[in-house]
Amino acid sequence: WNSSADFPASCPVFAPASAGAVKSVTLKANSASCLPGGSCTFNVVITFSPTGSPHDVTWSFKTYDLCTTATTSPNGGLITADGSWNTTDGNTTLSLPSAKGQLALVALSGPDVAASSPLLLGTAGC
């Protein structure tokens, strides 16, 4: 998207793709009908190296309007991961803001800071 002439701006980088024990963060829309201005259920998958002890993993969602550069931060979540786990996933339903060219992603805020790749929601132009 960064080089597309359809968008006047590129998505900011909220965090690297991996950091510390976090190997990857993936965000998937559970339905093709996830559109700006509507409700959408997202599946968040976090893959990490086992830490040996229970630890909290916190995250937030980000939406970014490529046409206006407005960023919103819908509520996220928290899970206590067992020290032997190497992956966790869960579903969260969000109300999305109205916007064309909207990207959605999930950003971990602790204990390691990492983010998913953005998903395009809605139309691909402004």
N, C-alpha and C. Protein backbone atom coordinates (compact mmCIF):
# COMPACT_ATOMS: atom_id res chain seq x y z
N TRP A 1 0.81 -1.21 0.00
CA TRP A 1 0.00 0.00 0.00
C TRP A 1 0.84 1.26 0.00
N ASN A 2 2.02 1.21 0.54
CA ASN A 2 2.82 2.41 0.68
C ASN A 2 3.13 3.07 -0.65
N SER A 3 3.16 2.32 -1.74
CA SER A 3 3.52 2.91 -3.01
C SER A 3 2.31 3.15 -3.91
N SER A 4 1.11 2.85 -3.44
CA SER A 4 -0.08 2.99 -4.27
C SER A 4 -0.50 4.44 -4.42
N ALA A 5 -0.83 4.83 -5.63
CA ALA A 5 -1.30 6.19 -5.88
C ALA A 5 -2.74 6.38 -5.40
N ASP A 6 -3.42 5.27 -5.04
CA ASP A 6 -4.80 5.38 -4.55
C ASP A 6 -4.87 5.99 -3.17
N PHE A 7 -3.79 5.99 -2.43
CA PHE A 7 -3.80 6.47 -1.06
C PHE A 7 -2.86 7.64 -0.91
N PRO A 8 -3.31 8.72 -0.27
CA PRO A 8 -2.43 9.86 -0.06
C PRO A 8 -1.45 9.67 1.09
N ALA A 9 -1.62 8.64 1.88
CA ALA A 9 -0.75 8.41 3.04
C ALA A 9 -0.49 6.93 3.19
N SER A 10 0.55 6.57 3.92
CA SER A 10 0.83 5.17 4.21
C SER A 10 0.55 4.94 5.70
N CYS A 11 0.31 3.69 6.05
CA CYS A 11 0.00 3.34 7.44
C CYS A 11 1.22 3.53 8.31
N PRO A 12 1.06 4.19 9.45
CA PRO A 12 2.20 4.31 10.36
C PRO A 12 2.58 2.94 10.92
N VAL A 13 3.81 2.81 11.32
CA VAL A 13 4.28 1.58 11.96
C VAL A 13 4.07 1.74 13.46
N PHE A 14 3.17 0.93 14.02
CA PHE A 14 2.86 1.02 15.44
C PHE A 14 3.82 0.21 16.28
N ALA A 15 4.42 -0.83 15.68
CA ALA A 15 5.38 -1.69 16.38
C ALA A 15 5.99 -2.63 15.35
N PRO A 16 7.14 -3.25 15.65
CA PRO A 16 7.73 -4.21 14.72
C PRO A 16 6.87 -5.48 14.65
N ALA A 17 7.11 -6.31 13.64
CA ALA A 17 6.35 -7.55 13.45
C ALA A 17 6.65 -8.59 14.53
N SER A 18 7.84 -8.51 15.15
CA SER A 18 8.20 -9.42 16.24
C SER A 18 9.12 -8.67 17.19
N ALA A 19 9.13 -9.14 18.43
CA ALA A 19 10.00 -8.52 19.45
C ALA A 19 10.04 -9.43 20.67
N GLY A 20 11.19 -9.52 21.30
CA GLY A 20 11.32 -10.33 22.51
C GLY A 20 10.86 -11.76 22.25
N ALA A 21 9.96 -12.26 23.10
CA ALA A 21 9.45 -13.62 22.95
C ALA A 21 8.39 -13.74 21.85
N VAL A 22 7.86 -12.61 21.37
CA VAL A 22 6.80 -12.64 20.36
C VAL A 22 7.41 -12.89 18.98
N LYS A 23 6.96 -13.99 18.35
CA LYS A 23 7.44 -14.33 17.01
C LYS A 23 6.58 -13.71 15.92
N SER A 24 5.25 -13.62 16.17
CA SER A 24 4.35 -13.02 15.18
C SER A 24 3.01 -12.68 15.81
N VAL A 25 2.34 -11.73 15.18
CA VAL A 25 0.98 -11.34 15.54
C VAL A 25 0.18 -11.31 14.25
N THR A 26 -0.95 -12.01 14.23
CA THR A 26 -1.77 -12.08 13.03
C THR A 26 -3.19 -11.64 13.35
N LEU A 27 -3.75 -10.82 12.48
CA LEU A 27 -5.14 -10.36 12.61
C LEU A 27 -5.91 -10.84 11.39
N LYS A 28 -7.04 -11.52 11.63
CA LYS A 28 -7.88 -12.01 10.54
C LYS A 28 -9.31 -11.56 10.80
N ALA A 29 -9.97 -11.10 9.74
CA ALA A 29 -11.40 -10.79 9.85
C ALA A 29 -12.16 -12.11 9.70
N ASN A 30 -13.12 -12.35 10.59
CA ASN A 30 -13.86 -13.62 10.55
C ASN A 30 -14.96 -13.63 9.50
N SER A 31 -15.10 -12.53 8.76
CA SER A 31 -16.15 -12.46 7.75
C SER A 31 -15.74 -11.50 6.65
N ALA A 32 -16.17 -11.80 5.43
CA ALA A 32 -15.90 -10.90 4.31
C ALA A 32 -16.74 -9.63 4.41
N SER A 33 -17.73 -9.64 5.31
CA SER A 33 -18.61 -8.47 5.45
C SER A 33 -18.10 -7.48 6.50
N CYS A 34 -16.85 -7.56 6.87
CA CYS A 34 -16.26 -6.60 7.80
C CYS A 34 -16.00 -5.30 7.03
N LEU A 35 -16.88 -4.35 7.22
CA LEU A 35 -16.79 -3.09 6.48
C LEU A 35 -16.75 -1.90 7.43
N PRO A 36 -16.09 -0.83 7.02
CA PRO A 36 -16.08 0.39 7.84
C PRO A 36 -17.50 0.82 8.18
N GLY A 37 -17.68 1.29 9.41
CA GLY A 37 -18.99 1.73 9.88
C GLY A 37 -19.85 0.61 10.44
N GLY A 38 -19.37 -0.62 10.38
CA GLY A 38 -20.13 -1.76 10.86
C GLY A 38 -19.42 -2.47 11.99
N SER A 39 -19.96 -3.61 12.35
CA SER A 39 -19.38 -4.44 13.41
C SER A 39 -18.60 -5.57 12.74
N CYS A 40 -17.47 -5.93 13.33
CA CYS A 40 -16.63 -6.97 12.75
C CYS A 40 -16.00 -7.79 13.87
N THR A 41 -15.96 -9.09 13.69
CA THR A 41 -15.26 -9.97 14.62
C THR A 41 -13.91 -10.31 14.03
N PHE A 42 -12.87 -10.03 14.80
CA PHE A 42 -11.50 -10.30 14.39
C PHE A 42 -10.93 -11.44 15.22
N ASN A 43 -10.11 -12.26 14.58
CA ASN A 43 -9.37 -13.31 15.27
C ASN A 43 -7.92 -12.83 15.41
N VAL A 44 -7.42 -12.83 16.64
CA VAL A 44 -6.06 -12.42 16.94
C VAL A 44 -5.26 -13.67 17.30
N VAL A 45 -4.16 -13.91 16.58
CA VAL A 45 -3.28 -15.05 16.85
C VAL A 45 -1.91 -14.51 17.21
N ILE A 46 -1.41 -14.89 18.37
CA ILE A 46 -0.10 -14.46 18.84
C ILE A 46 0.77 -15.71 19.00
N THR A 47 1.91 -15.74 18.32
CA THR A 47 2.85 -16.84 18.43
C THR A 47 4.08 -16.33 19.16
N PHE A 48 4.54 -17.09 20.17
CA PHE A 48 5.67 -16.63 20.98
C PHE A 48 6.47 -17.81 21.48
N SER A 49 7.66 -17.55 21.96
CA SER A 49 8.49 -18.57 22.59
C SER A 49 7.99 -18.78 24.01
N PRO A 50 7.90 -20.03 24.47
CA PRO A 50 7.50 -20.27 25.86
C PRO A 50 8.44 -19.53 26.82
N THR A 51 7.87 -18.93 27.85
CA THR A 51 8.68 -18.13 28.78
C THR A 51 9.02 -18.87 30.07
N GLY A 52 8.34 -20.01 30.32
CA GLY A 52 8.62 -20.77 31.53
C GLY A 52 7.79 -20.36 32.73
N SER A 53 7.10 -19.20 32.65
CA SER A 53 6.23 -18.77 33.75
C SER A 53 5.04 -18.01 33.18
N PRO A 54 3.91 -18.03 33.88
CA PRO A 54 2.74 -17.29 33.40
C PRO A 54 3.05 -15.81 33.23
N HIS A 55 2.47 -15.21 32.19
CA HIS A 55 2.68 -13.78 31.95
C HIS A 55 1.47 -13.19 31.23
N ASP A 56 1.20 -11.93 31.50
CA ASP A 56 0.10 -11.24 30.85
C ASP A 56 0.55 -10.75 29.48
N VAL A 57 -0.34 -10.90 28.50
CA VAL A 57 -0.13 -10.35 27.17
C VAL A 57 -1.27 -9.37 26.93
N THR A 58 -0.95 -8.11 26.66
CA THR A 58 -1.97 -7.09 26.43
C THR A 58 -1.87 -6.58 25.00
N TRP A 59 -3.01 -6.16 24.43
CA TRP A 59 -3.02 -5.65 23.07
C TRP A 59 -4.11 -4.61 22.91
N SER A 60 -3.98 -3.85 21.84
CA SER A 60 -5.00 -2.90 21.44
C SER A 60 -5.19 -3.01 19.94
N PHE A 61 -6.33 -2.58 19.48
CA PHE A 61 -6.60 -2.54 18.06
C PHE A 61 -6.34 -1.13 17.57
N LYS A 62 -5.97 -1.01 16.32
CA LYS A 62 -5.77 0.28 15.68
C LYS A 62 -6.50 0.25 14.34
N THR A 63 -7.17 1.34 14.02
CA THR A 63 -7.70 1.51 12.67
C THR A 63 -7.08 2.79 12.13
N TYR A 64 -6.80 2.78 10.86
CA TYR A 64 -6.14 3.93 10.24
C TYR A 64 -6.83 4.24 8.92
N ASP A 65 -7.29 5.46 8.78
CA ASP A 65 -7.96 5.91 7.56
C ASP A 65 -6.88 6.46 6.62
N LEU A 66 -6.64 5.74 5.53
CA LEU A 66 -5.60 6.15 4.59
C LEU A 66 -5.93 7.45 3.86
N CYS A 67 -7.20 7.84 3.85
CA CYS A 67 -7.59 9.07 3.15
C CYS A 67 -7.42 10.30 4.03
N THR A 68 -7.73 10.19 5.31
CA THR A 68 -7.65 11.35 6.20
C THR A 68 -6.49 11.27 7.19
N THR A 69 -5.85 10.12 7.30
CA THR A 69 -4.78 9.78 8.25
C THR A 69 -5.26 9.72 9.71
N ALA A 70 -6.58 9.65 9.92
CA ALA A 70 -7.11 9.54 11.28
C ALA A 70 -6.86 8.13 11.82
N THR A 71 -6.40 8.06 13.07
CA THR A 71 -6.18 6.80 13.75
C THR A 71 -7.15 6.68 14.91
N THR A 72 -7.76 5.51 15.08
CA THR A 72 -8.58 5.24 16.25
C THR A 72 -7.99 4.03 16.97
N SER A 73 -8.28 3.93 18.25
CA SER A 73 -7.77 2.82 19.07
C SER A 73 -8.91 2.17 19.83
N PRO A 74 -9.67 1.27 19.16
CA PRO A 74 -10.72 0.54 19.88
C PRO A 74 -10.11 -0.30 21.00
N ASN A 75 -10.95 -0.67 21.95
CA ASN A 75 -10.48 -1.47 23.08
C ASN A 75 -9.78 -2.73 22.62
N GLY A 76 -8.87 -3.20 23.42
CA GLY A 76 -8.13 -4.41 23.14
C GLY A 76 -8.45 -5.48 24.14
N GLY A 77 -7.42 -6.12 24.65
CA GLY A 77 -7.66 -7.20 25.58
C GLY A 77 -6.42 -7.59 26.35
N LEU A 78 -6.59 -8.59 27.19
CA LEU A 78 -5.52 -9.11 28.03
C LEU A 78 -5.76 -10.59 28.22
N ILE A 79 -4.70 -11.36 28.15
CA ILE A 79 -4.78 -12.79 28.46
C ILE A 79 -3.55 -13.14 29.30
N THR A 80 -3.75 -14.02 30.26
CA THR A 80 -2.61 -14.54 31.01
C THR A 80 -2.19 -15.84 30.34
N ALA A 81 -1.02 -15.81 29.72
CA ALA A 81 -0.51 -16.98 29.00
C ALA A 81 0.26 -17.87 29.96
N ASP A 82 0.00 -19.16 29.88
CA ASP A 82 0.76 -20.13 30.65
C ASP A 82 2.20 -20.12 30.14
N GLY A 83 3.16 -20.34 30.99
CA GLY A 83 4.56 -20.30 30.61
C GLY A 83 4.99 -21.34 29.60
N SER A 84 4.15 -22.40 29.40
CA SER A 84 4.49 -23.44 28.44
C SER A 84 3.87 -23.19 27.06
N TRP A 85 2.99 -22.20 26.94
CA TRP A 85 2.32 -21.93 25.67
C TRP A 85 3.28 -21.34 24.65
N ASN A 86 2.99 -21.66 23.35
CA ASN A 86 3.74 -21.02 22.27
C ASN A 86 2.81 -20.27 21.32
N THR A 87 1.51 -20.37 21.56
CA THR A 87 0.53 -19.62 20.76
C THR A 87 -0.74 -19.41 21.57
N THR A 88 -1.45 -18.35 21.24
CA THR A 88 -2.76 -18.09 21.82
C THR A 88 -3.57 -17.37 20.76
N ASP A 89 -4.88 -17.59 20.77
CA ASP A 89 -5.72 -16.84 19.86
C ASP A 89 -7.09 -16.65 20.47
N GLY A 90 -7.78 -15.65 19.98
CA GLY A 90 -9.11 -15.35 20.47
C GLY A 90 -9.81 -14.40 19.52
N ASN A 91 -11.12 -14.32 19.70
CA ASN A 91 -11.95 -13.46 18.86
C ASN A 91 -12.42 -12.24 19.64
N THR A 92 -12.46 -11.11 18.96
CA THR A 92 -12.95 -9.86 19.54
C THR A 92 -13.83 -9.17 18.50
N THR A 93 -15.01 -8.71 18.92
CA THR A 93 -15.90 -7.98 18.03
C THR A 93 -15.74 -6.48 18.29
N LEU A 94 -15.55 -5.73 17.21
CA LEU A 94 -15.36 -4.28 17.30
C LEU A 94 -16.37 -3.56 16.44
N SER A 95 -16.73 -2.34 16.85
CA SER A 95 -17.47 -1.42 16.01
C SER A 95 -16.43 -0.57 15.28
N LEU A 96 -16.47 -0.61 13.96
CA LEU A 96 -15.47 0.09 13.17
C LEU A 96 -15.94 1.50 12.80
N PRO A 97 -15.02 2.45 12.77
CA PRO A 97 -15.40 3.79 12.32
C PRO A 97 -15.72 3.77 10.82
N SER A 98 -16.47 4.76 10.37
CA SER A 98 -16.76 4.90 8.94
C SER A 98 -15.58 5.55 8.26
N ALA A 99 -15.06 4.94 7.21
CA ALA A 99 -13.94 5.50 6.48
C ALA A 99 -13.69 4.67 5.24
N LYS A 100 -13.29 5.30 4.15
CA LYS A 100 -12.83 4.57 2.97
C LYS A 100 -11.35 4.27 3.19
N GLY A 101 -10.85 3.24 2.54
CA GLY A 101 -9.43 2.96 2.62
C GLY A 101 -8.93 2.73 4.03
N GLN A 102 -9.72 2.04 4.84
CA GLN A 102 -9.39 1.83 6.24
C GLN A 102 -8.53 0.58 6.42
N LEU A 103 -7.51 0.71 7.25
CA LEU A 103 -6.69 -0.43 7.63
C LEU A 103 -6.95 -0.74 9.09
N ALA A 104 -6.92 -2.03 9.44
CA ALA A 104 -7.05 -2.43 10.84
C ALA A 104 -5.85 -3.31 11.18
N LEU A 105 -5.37 -3.18 12.40
CA LEU A 105 -4.29 -4.03 12.87
C LEU A 105 -4.38 -4.16 14.38
N VAL A 106 -3.63 -5.09 14.93
CA VAL A 106 -3.57 -5.28 16.37
C VAL A 106 -2.13 -5.06 16.80
N ALA A 107 -1.97 -4.33 17.91
CA ALA A 107 -0.63 -4.01 18.43
C ALA A 107 -0.53 -4.52 19.86
N LEU A 108 0.48 -5.33 20.14
CA LEU A 108 0.73 -5.79 21.50
C LEU A 108 1.42 -4.68 22.27
N SER A 109 1.01 -4.52 23.53
CA SER A 109 1.63 -3.48 24.35
C SER A 109 2.39 -4.06 25.53
N GLY A 110 2.39 -5.36 25.69
CA GLY A 110 3.16 -5.93 26.77
C GLY A 110 3.01 -7.43 26.85
N PRO A 111 4.01 -8.12 27.35
CA PRO A 111 5.27 -7.57 27.83
C PRO A 111 6.20 -7.14 26.69
N ASP A 112 5.99 -7.71 25.49
CA ASP A 112 6.79 -7.31 24.33
C ASP A 112 5.90 -6.53 23.37
N VAL A 113 6.46 -5.57 22.68
CA VAL A 113 5.70 -4.71 21.78
C VAL A 113 5.90 -5.18 20.35
N ALA A 114 4.81 -5.63 19.70
CA ALA A 114 4.84 -6.11 18.32
C ALA A 114 3.47 -5.84 17.71
N ALA A 115 3.37 -5.88 16.39
CA ALA A 115 2.09 -5.60 15.72
C ALA A 115 1.89 -6.50 14.52
N SER A 116 0.61 -6.69 14.17
CA SER A 116 0.27 -7.46 12.98
C SER A 116 0.45 -6.59 11.74
N SER A 117 0.42 -7.23 10.59
CA SER A 117 0.33 -6.50 9.34
C SER A 117 -1.08 -5.93 9.24
N PRO A 118 -1.25 -4.81 8.55
CA PRO A 118 -2.59 -4.22 8.44
C PRO A 118 -3.48 -4.99 7.47
N LEU A 119 -4.79 -4.99 7.76
CA LEU A 119 -5.81 -5.56 6.88
C LEU A 119 -6.58 -4.41 6.24
N LEU A 120 -6.82 -4.48 4.95
CA LEU A 120 -7.63 -3.47 4.27
C LEU A 120 -9.09 -3.79 4.47
N LEU A 121 -9.88 -2.84 4.92
CA LEU A 121 -11.32 -2.99 5.09
C LEU A 121 -12.00 -1.95 4.24
N GLY A 122 -13.02 -2.34 3.49
CA GLY A 122 -13.73 -1.39 2.64
C GLY A 122 -13.08 -1.27 1.28
N THR A 123 -13.27 -0.12 0.64
CA THR A 123 -12.74 0.09 -0.71
C THR A 123 -11.27 0.42 -0.68
N ALA A 124 -10.62 0.25 -1.80
CA ALA A 124 -9.16 0.45 -1.86
C ALA A 124 -8.78 1.87 -2.28
N GLY A 125 -9.72 2.79 -2.37
CA GLY A 125 -9.38 4.14 -2.77
C GLY A 125 -10.11 5.17 -1.93
N CYS A 126 -9.73 6.42 -2.09
CA CYS A 126 -10.32 7.50 -1.28
C CYS A 126 -11.55 8.09 -1.91
